[in-house]
């Protein structure tokens, strides 16, 4: 009597306590918590700088005054200031309070970046791109600033994500959502116009694959155009009119270099060029799916990479073209392209993993891929028709060894992928530490405290340039005696001497607050006048601020 066949019972692995889907959801939760922790950590360690103080001042106006800016020429971000006005009314104007929304928006941008990446280049590359954005020093910095940059880094990929989902599923109800989002985006920052151009550039790529051009899309575009008219009516002529804007007229190569360095290492690059070289290498590798066609599982699709290239390069090219007549380049405005920057790097990591994994697999001996075992012989005690069953169930040594070798190659590819991600993360850690432990922008807080502690009640303050008095007033709202210095750009030394003598008549002690002084006094004639006609009593330097105290000689 033949013994009964034993069936091997496979025990569940301790590493798979949760289904794969729940494991992935748990991973996204961990990613969100990590991103939020990095953005909330030491949120108020940096002093508010000039732009943040301006945001508080603009948002503290009456609602009617803010609403008037929606139709005013030259205004940028009225909807952001309206929202900040409501937020300030709830939580106040402390540094932590006014920066907290940016930390939330920055965290949400990480999750939306994953969803957009999953839609166009696959879940694996999307997750890697989201991880890289989560630990980006540049994105963390602007997620800790009381301005709209973290918000627009969220709205830019969110608008594209909604459009892709609407086209793929013919979900008509998403078109009104998309129109409202893009219109609101425009009233939060003017560079939303560039994302509208990116969306239009995506349509020829998406529509052949998802022919869902419906009346909803046309209606959404028409509604957006109508709602944008109050801004477009002055923005378009301004963009086409040559003018001096105060921005440096960078060349295209200079713009690319600035974005590559800042996107890689944040606002204070100080570790040499190796992080930049690493990021550039991964960006170039991200273009591999455009020239290498594979059908293996996990290989990023070429059309998705093309979409990301349009997203990354489109806004920059538009800014460069406008800047030929009217310089407008500032790297923080192009934070709208930062998700594409990291998604392209993620594509490069995934592509390198697959190519090297294939190379390792190709080096396997061909003999290990086929069975050398001779066919099983028919046993004498088996009934007719049963011998092949036993033979078919016996494992082939050659096939088994080939599968093991392929598994080893896949494991090495996965380890390479993890190593590249960790290398990018480690490259950014020193810059994250620097941003959260050393002053990066003008330290109005420390300078104000120093003056308040050392100045007398009859002392006079002179701000060079006067506009920065707003930063001082945020930290010391009580009234102080101030004297506005002359604007010396077109003045001679004799004119400056005459003006300063009139201003300082009857003054015994004056404190000079020097921040961005070159814009107001490019030749340093005001400081030189005090050095000749007064006695310097103290001098203290802060980040991008210098404080001097002078006693006027009788």
Foldseek 3Di string as FASTA:
>chain_A
DDDDDDDDDDDDDPVPPDPPVVVVVVVLVVLLVLLLCLLLFLLPVAAAALVLLVLVVLLCDDPVVLVVLLLDAPDFASVLSPVLNVQCVPPNDDLSSLLQVLSVLLSLLLVLQQLLLCLAFRNQLSNLLSNLSSLFLASSLRSSGNACLSNLLRLLSVLLNLVLVCQQVVPLVSLVVSLVSLLSSCNRGVLSVLSVVLSVVLCVLRCVVRVNDDVSNVVSVVSNVVSCVSHCVNPVVVLVAFDEDVDDLDALVVLVVVLLQCRQANDDDDDPCPSSVLLVQLLVLLQVLCPDPDDDPSQTHNSSSVSLCSLQCRSSVVQNVSSVRYHDDDNSVSSNSSSSSSSSSSNSLSSVLVVQLVVQLVPDDPQLCDAPDDQDDADPPDDPPCRVVVRVPDDGRSNVSSVVSSVVSNVVSVVSSVVSSVVSSVSHVVSSVCPSPAHDAFRLQVVLVVCVVPPDQQEEEEELQPSRVSSSCVNPVDDHHYDYQQQPPPPDLVVNLVRVCVRCVPHFKYKYKYAPNCRRVVVCSVVVNQVVFWAWDDWDDDHRIIMTMTGGDD
